[in-house]
Amino acid sequence: MKTTPEHNAKIANMIFASVYPHYVTKVENKNRTKAELHQVIEWLTGYNEEKIQELIEEKATFQEFFNLAKLNPNAHLITGMICGYRIEDLENPVTRQARYLDKLVDELAKGRKMEKILRKE
């Protein structure tokens, strides 16, 4: 499934702070912790808890969120389907990176072991 320019713009302009509480709820409902969620976010983006909070308070868009990130060199190992899209086929970088994060949160919520989520080559 190919994304449209409108879809990519919608993802880029979404406010991270509006999605973050849903990530927390999703993982906590499956007996995972906010600390584990932060570990996953830090692995993907390089952001520590303080920086995550700062981006939430600044109401950073996903575009800003990922432009500032130091994406993990193994992020390309995140593959599979999320929200009807095959991650590795997404051409738009921000959309792909947002789906990376969605996929990691899903894996955390599904009980996958942290060493599997935090991909090593």
N, C-alpha and C. Protein backbone atom coordinates (compact mmCIF):
# COMPACT_ATOMS: atom_id res chain seq x y z
N MET A 1 0.84 -1.18 0.00
CA MET A 1 0.00 0.00 0.00
C MET A 1 0.89 1.24 0.00
N LYS A 2 0.65 2.14 -0.92
CA LYS A 2 1.47 3.34 -1.06
C LYS A 2 0.81 4.50 -0.32
N THR A 3 1.61 5.29 0.37
CA THR A 3 1.06 6.45 1.05
C THR A 3 0.85 7.59 0.07
N THR A 4 -0.06 8.48 0.42
CA THR A 4 -0.32 9.66 -0.40
C THR A 4 0.42 10.85 0.21
N PRO A 5 0.62 11.90 -0.58
CA PRO A 5 1.23 13.12 0.00
C PRO A 5 0.41 13.66 1.17
N GLU A 6 -0.90 13.53 1.09
CA GLU A 6 -1.77 14.01 2.17
C GLU A 6 -1.54 13.20 3.45
N HIS A 7 -1.42 11.88 3.29
CA HIS A 7 -1.17 11.00 4.43
C HIS A 7 0.18 11.35 5.07
N ASN A 8 1.20 11.53 4.25
CA ASN A 8 2.53 11.88 4.76
C ASN A 8 2.50 13.22 5.50
N ALA A 9 1.77 14.20 4.96
CA ALA A 9 1.67 15.51 5.60
C ALA A 9 0.93 15.39 6.94
N LYS A 10 -0.10 14.56 6.97
CA LYS A 10 -0.86 14.36 8.21
C LYS A 10 0.04 13.79 9.30
N ILE A 11 0.84 12.79 8.95
CA ILE A 11 1.77 12.18 9.91
C ILE A 11 2.80 13.22 10.37
N ALA A 12 3.40 13.93 9.43
CA ALA A 12 4.44 14.92 9.74
C ALA A 12 3.92 16.01 10.67
N ASN A 13 2.65 16.39 10.52
CA ASN A 13 2.09 17.50 11.30
C ASN A 13 1.42 17.07 12.60
N MET A 14 1.34 15.77 12.84
CA MET A 14 0.76 15.30 14.11
C MET A 14 1.67 15.73 15.25
N ILE A 15 1.07 16.09 16.35
CA ILE A 15 1.82 16.53 17.53
C ILE A 15 2.18 15.29 18.35
N PHE A 16 3.47 15.12 18.62
CA PHE A 16 3.92 13.95 19.39
C PHE A 16 3.18 13.88 20.73
N ALA A 17 2.97 15.02 21.38
CA ALA A 17 2.30 15.05 22.69
C ALA A 17 0.87 14.51 22.62
N SER A 18 0.24 14.57 21.45
CA SER A 18 -1.13 14.06 21.33
C SER A 18 -1.15 12.54 21.19
N VAL A 19 -0.05 11.94 20.74
CA VAL A 19 0.03 10.50 20.54
C VAL A 19 0.67 9.80 21.74
N TYR A 20 1.59 10.48 22.38
CA TYR A 20 2.35 9.89 23.49
C TYR A 20 1.45 9.26 24.57
N PRO A 21 0.39 9.94 25.05
CA PRO A 21 -0.45 9.30 26.09
C PRO A 21 -1.06 7.97 25.62
N HIS A 22 -1.33 7.85 24.34
CA HIS A 22 -1.87 6.60 23.79
C HIS A 22 -0.82 5.49 23.84
N TYR A 23 0.44 5.86 23.59
CA TYR A 23 1.53 4.88 23.71
C TYR A 23 1.61 4.39 25.16
N VAL A 24 1.56 5.33 26.11
CA VAL A 24 1.66 4.97 27.53
C VAL A 24 0.52 4.04 27.91
N THR A 25 -0.70 4.41 27.55
CA THR A 25 -1.87 3.60 27.87
C THR A 25 -1.76 2.21 27.26
N LYS A 26 -1.35 2.16 26.02
CA LYS A 26 -1.23 0.88 25.31
C LYS A 26 -0.28 -0.07 26.02
N VAL A 27 0.90 0.42 26.39
CA VAL A 27 1.88 -0.46 27.02
C VAL A 27 1.49 -0.79 28.46
N GLU A 28 0.96 0.19 29.18
CA GLU A 28 0.58 -0.07 30.58
C GLU A 28 -0.60 -1.03 30.69
N ASN A 29 -1.51 -0.98 29.72
CA ASN A 29 -2.64 -1.92 29.71
C ASN A 29 -2.17 -3.35 29.50
N LYS A 30 -0.98 -3.52 28.97
CA LYS A 30 -0.42 -4.86 28.72
C LYS A 30 0.69 -5.20 29.71
N ASN A 31 0.65 -4.52 30.88
CA ASN A 31 1.59 -4.78 31.97
C ASN A 31 3.05 -4.48 31.63
N ARG A 32 3.25 -3.52 30.74
CA ARG A 32 4.61 -3.00 30.50
C ARG A 32 4.66 -1.62 31.16
N THR A 33 5.83 -1.05 31.26
CA THR A 33 5.97 0.20 32.01
C THR A 33 6.30 1.39 31.13
N LYS A 34 6.05 2.56 31.69
CA LYS A 34 6.43 3.81 31.02
C LYS A 34 7.95 3.86 30.85
N ALA A 35 8.69 3.32 31.83
CA ALA A 35 10.15 3.28 31.73
C ALA A 35 10.59 2.44 30.53
N GLU A 36 9.90 1.33 30.29
CA GLU A 36 10.22 0.49 29.12
C GLU A 36 9.89 1.24 27.83
N LEU A 37 8.78 1.97 27.83
CA LEU A 37 8.42 2.78 26.66
C LEU A 37 9.52 3.80 26.39
N HIS A 38 9.99 4.46 27.43
CA HIS A 38 11.06 5.45 27.27
C HIS A 38 12.34 4.80 26.78
N GLN A 39 12.60 3.60 27.22
CA GLN A 39 13.79 2.87 26.75
C GLN A 39 13.70 2.63 25.24
N VAL A 40 12.53 2.26 24.78
CA VAL A 40 12.30 2.01 23.36
C VAL A 40 12.45 3.31 22.56
N ILE A 41 11.85 4.39 23.06
CA ILE A 41 11.95 5.69 22.38
C ILE A 41 13.41 6.15 22.34
N GLU A 42 14.12 5.96 23.45
CA GLU A 42 15.53 6.37 23.49
C GLU A 42 16.37 5.55 22.52
N TRP A 43 16.09 4.25 22.43
CA TRP A 43 16.84 3.41 21.49
C TRP A 43 16.65 3.92 20.06
N LEU A 44 15.40 4.25 19.70
CA LEU A 44 15.10 4.67 18.33
C LEU A 44 15.64 6.07 18.04
N THR A 45 15.46 7.01 18.99
CA THR A 45 15.70 8.42 18.69
C THR A 45 16.91 9.04 19.37
N GLY A 46 17.39 8.40 20.44
CA GLY A 46 18.46 8.98 21.23
C GLY A 46 17.95 9.92 22.32
N TYR A 47 16.64 10.12 22.42
CA TYR A 47 16.07 11.04 23.41
C TYR A 47 15.96 10.37 24.78
N ASN A 48 16.51 11.05 25.81
CA ASN A 48 16.32 10.57 27.16
C ASN A 48 14.96 11.09 27.68
N GLU A 49 14.62 10.69 28.88
CA GLU A 49 13.31 11.04 29.45
C GLU A 49 13.11 12.55 29.51
N GLU A 50 14.16 13.29 29.86
CA GLU A 50 14.08 14.74 29.94
C GLU A 50 13.78 15.36 28.58
N LYS A 51 14.43 14.88 27.54
CA LYS A 51 14.22 15.40 26.19
C LYS A 51 12.83 15.04 25.68
N ILE A 52 12.36 13.83 26.00
CA ILE A 52 11.00 13.43 25.61
C ILE A 52 10.00 14.40 26.21
N GLN A 53 10.18 14.70 27.51
CA GLN A 53 9.27 15.62 28.20
C GLN A 53 9.33 17.01 27.58
N GLU A 54 10.52 17.46 27.23
CA GLU A 54 10.70 18.77 26.61
C GLU A 54 9.95 18.83 25.27
N LEU A 55 10.07 17.79 24.46
CA LEU A 55 9.37 17.75 23.16
C LEU A 55 7.86 17.71 23.34
N ILE A 56 7.40 17.04 24.40
CA ILE A 56 5.96 17.02 24.71
C ILE A 56 5.50 18.43 25.05
N GLU A 57 6.24 19.10 25.93
CA GLU A 57 5.87 20.46 26.35
C GLU A 57 5.93 21.46 25.20
N GLU A 58 6.87 21.25 24.27
CA GLU A 58 7.00 22.14 23.11
C GLU A 58 5.95 21.85 22.04
N LYS A 59 5.20 20.76 22.24
CA LYS A 59 4.21 20.32 21.26
C LYS A 59 4.85 20.12 19.88
N ALA A 60 5.98 19.43 19.89
CA ALA A 60 6.72 19.14 18.65
C ALA A 60 5.89 18.25 17.74
N THR A 61 5.92 18.56 16.45
CA THR A 61 5.28 17.69 15.46
C THR A 61 6.18 16.47 15.25
N PHE A 62 5.64 15.44 14.62
CA PHE A 62 6.48 14.29 14.29
C PHE A 62 7.63 14.71 13.37
N GLN A 63 7.38 15.66 12.48
CA GLN A 63 8.44 16.18 11.61
C GLN A 63 9.59 16.73 12.46
N GLU A 64 9.26 17.58 13.42
CA GLU A 64 10.28 18.17 14.31
C GLU A 64 10.92 17.09 15.19
N PHE A 65 10.08 16.20 15.71
CA PHE A 65 10.53 15.13 16.59
C PHE A 65 11.61 14.29 15.92
N PHE A 66 11.35 13.88 14.68
CA PHE A 66 12.32 13.02 13.99
C PHE A 66 13.46 13.80 13.34
N ASN A 67 13.24 15.08 13.00
CA ASN A 67 14.34 15.88 12.46
C ASN A 67 15.44 16.08 13.51
N LEU A 68 15.05 16.19 14.77
CA LEU A 68 16.01 16.41 15.86
C LEU A 68 16.65 15.10 16.34
N ALA A 69 16.03 13.97 16.02
CA ALA A 69 16.47 12.67 16.53
C ALA A 69 17.78 12.21 15.87
N LYS A 70 18.51 11.42 16.63
CA LYS A 70 19.67 10.69 16.09
C LYS A 70 19.21 9.24 15.96
N LEU A 71 18.62 8.95 14.81
CA LEU A 71 18.00 7.64 14.61
C LEU A 71 19.02 6.51 14.79
N ASN A 72 18.62 5.49 15.50
CA ASN A 72 19.48 4.34 15.73
C ASN A 72 19.90 3.74 14.39
N PRO A 73 21.19 3.41 14.24
CA PRO A 73 21.65 2.85 12.96
C PRO A 73 20.99 1.51 12.61
N ASN A 74 20.41 0.84 13.59
CA ASN A 74 19.72 -0.43 13.32
C ASN A 74 18.22 -0.26 13.11
N ALA A 75 17.75 0.97 13.04
CA ALA A 75 16.32 1.21 12.85
C ALA A 75 15.80 0.54 11.57
N HIS A 76 16.66 0.45 10.56
CA HIS A 76 16.24 -0.18 9.29
C HIS A 76 15.86 -1.65 9.47
N LEU A 77 16.24 -2.23 10.60
CA LEU A 77 15.88 -3.63 10.88
C LEU A 77 14.43 -3.78 11.34
N ILE A 78 13.76 -2.66 11.59
CA ILE A 78 12.33 -2.69 11.97
C ILE A 78 11.54 -2.87 10.69
N THR A 79 10.93 -4.04 10.56
CA THR A 79 10.17 -4.36 9.34
C THR A 79 8.82 -4.93 9.72
N GLY A 80 8.00 -5.11 8.72
CA GLY A 80 6.69 -5.72 8.94
C GLY A 80 5.57 -4.75 8.66
N MET A 81 4.38 -5.19 9.00
CA MET A 81 3.17 -4.39 8.73
C MET A 81 2.77 -3.60 9.96
N ILE A 82 2.36 -2.36 9.73
CA ILE A 82 1.80 -1.52 10.79
C ILE A 82 0.80 -0.57 10.14
N CYS A 83 -0.38 -0.52 10.68
CA CYS A 83 -1.44 0.36 10.17
C CYS A 83 -1.70 0.14 8.67
N GLY A 84 -1.57 -1.10 8.23
CA GLY A 84 -1.84 -1.43 6.84
C GLY A 84 -0.71 -1.16 5.87
N TYR A 85 0.44 -0.74 6.39
CA TYR A 85 1.58 -0.42 5.54
C TYR A 85 2.77 -1.32 5.88
N ARG A 86 3.50 -1.73 4.86
CA ARG A 86 4.75 -2.46 5.07
C ARG A 86 5.82 -1.41 5.30
N ILE A 87 6.38 -1.39 6.50
CA ILE A 87 7.30 -0.33 6.92
C ILE A 87 8.47 -0.15 5.94
N GLU A 88 9.07 -1.26 5.55
CA GLU A 88 10.26 -1.16 4.69
C GLU A 88 9.95 -0.59 3.31
N ASP A 89 8.68 -0.53 2.93
CA ASP A 89 8.30 0.02 1.63
C ASP A 89 7.93 1.51 1.68
N LEU A 90 7.85 2.07 2.88
CA LEU A 90 7.48 3.48 3.00
C LEU A 90 8.63 4.35 2.52
N GLU A 91 8.34 5.24 1.58
CA GLU A 91 9.37 6.08 0.99
C GLU A 91 9.60 7.37 1.77
N ASN A 92 8.54 7.93 2.35
CA ASN A 92 8.67 9.18 3.08
C ASN A 92 9.37 8.93 4.41
N PRO A 93 10.49 9.61 4.68
CA PRO A 93 11.27 9.32 5.89
C PRO A 93 10.50 9.55 7.20
N VAL A 94 9.75 10.63 7.30
CA VAL A 94 9.03 10.91 8.55
C VAL A 94 7.93 9.87 8.77
N THR A 95 7.21 9.52 7.72
CA THR A 95 6.17 8.49 7.84
C THR A 95 6.80 7.16 8.25
N ARG A 96 7.91 6.80 7.63
CA ARG A 96 8.58 5.55 7.97
C ARG A 96 9.06 5.57 9.42
N GLN A 97 9.64 6.67 9.86
CA GLN A 97 10.14 6.77 11.22
C GLN A 97 9.00 6.73 12.25
N ALA A 98 7.89 7.38 11.93
CA ALA A 98 6.73 7.32 12.83
C ALA A 98 6.21 5.89 12.92
N ARG A 99 6.22 5.17 11.82
CA ARG A 99 5.78 3.77 11.83
C ARG A 99 6.79 2.87 12.54
N TYR A 100 8.07 3.22 12.48
CA TYR A 100 9.06 2.50 13.29
C TYR A 100 8.65 2.57 14.76
N LEU A 101 8.34 3.79 15.21
CA LEU A 101 7.96 3.98 16.60
C LEU A 101 6.68 3.22 16.93
N ASP A 102 5.69 3.30 16.05
CA ASP A 102 4.44 2.55 16.26
C ASP A 102 4.71 1.06 16.39
N LYS A 103 5.57 0.54 15.53
CA LYS A 103 5.88 -0.90 15.53
C LYS A 103 6.57 -1.29 16.84
N LEU A 104 7.52 -0.48 17.30
CA LEU A 104 8.21 -0.77 18.55
C LEU A 104 7.24 -0.76 19.73
N VAL A 105 6.33 0.21 19.75
CA VAL A 105 5.33 0.28 20.83
C VAL A 105 4.43 -0.95 20.78
N ASP A 106 4.02 -1.35 19.59
CA ASP A 106 3.20 -2.56 19.44
C ASP A 106 3.93 -3.79 19.98
N GLU A 107 5.19 -3.93 19.61
CA GLU A 107 5.96 -5.09 20.06
C GLU A 107 6.10 -5.09 21.58
N LEU A 108 6.31 -3.93 22.16
CA LEU A 108 6.41 -3.81 23.62
C LEU A 108 5.09 -4.24 24.26
N ALA A 109 3.99 -3.72 23.72
CA ALA A 109 2.67 -4.04 24.27
C ALA A 109 2.32 -5.52 24.10
N LYS A 110 2.85 -6.15 23.06
CA LYS A 110 2.56 -7.57 22.83
C LYS A 110 3.44 -8.49 23.67
N GLY A 111 4.31 -7.91 24.49
CA GLY A 111 5.10 -8.71 25.39
C GLY A 111 6.41 -9.23 24.82
N ARG A 112 6.82 -8.69 23.70
CA ARG A 112 8.08 -9.13 23.10
C ARG A 112 9.24 -8.76 24.03
N LYS A 113 10.24 -9.58 24.08
CA LYS A 113 11.39 -9.33 24.94
C LYS A 113 12.14 -8.09 24.46
N MET A 114 12.61 -7.31 25.43
CA MET A 114 13.27 -6.05 25.13
C MET A 114 14.48 -6.24 24.21
N GLU A 115 15.25 -7.32 24.41
CA GLU A 115 16.43 -7.52 23.56
C GLU A 115 16.04 -7.78 22.11
N LYS A 116 14.83 -8.27 21.86
CA LYS A 116 14.34 -8.46 20.49
C LYS A 116 13.84 -7.13 19.91
N ILE A 117 13.18 -6.33 20.76
CA ILE A 117 12.67 -5.04 20.31
C ILE A 117 13.82 -4.12 19.92
N LEU A 118 14.85 -4.10 20.77
CA LEU A 118 16.01 -3.23 20.53
C LEU A 118 16.98 -4.00 19.62
N ARG A 119 16.67 -3.97 18.38
CA ARG A 119 17.35 -4.79 17.38
C ARG A 119 18.86 -4.60 17.37
N LYS A 120 19.51 -5.71 17.29
CA LYS A 120 20.97 -5.73 17.12
C LYS A 120 21.21 -6.45 15.80
N GLU A 121 22.18 -6.00 15.05
CA GLU A 121 22.46 -6.66 13.76
C GLU A 121 23.05 -8.01 13.97
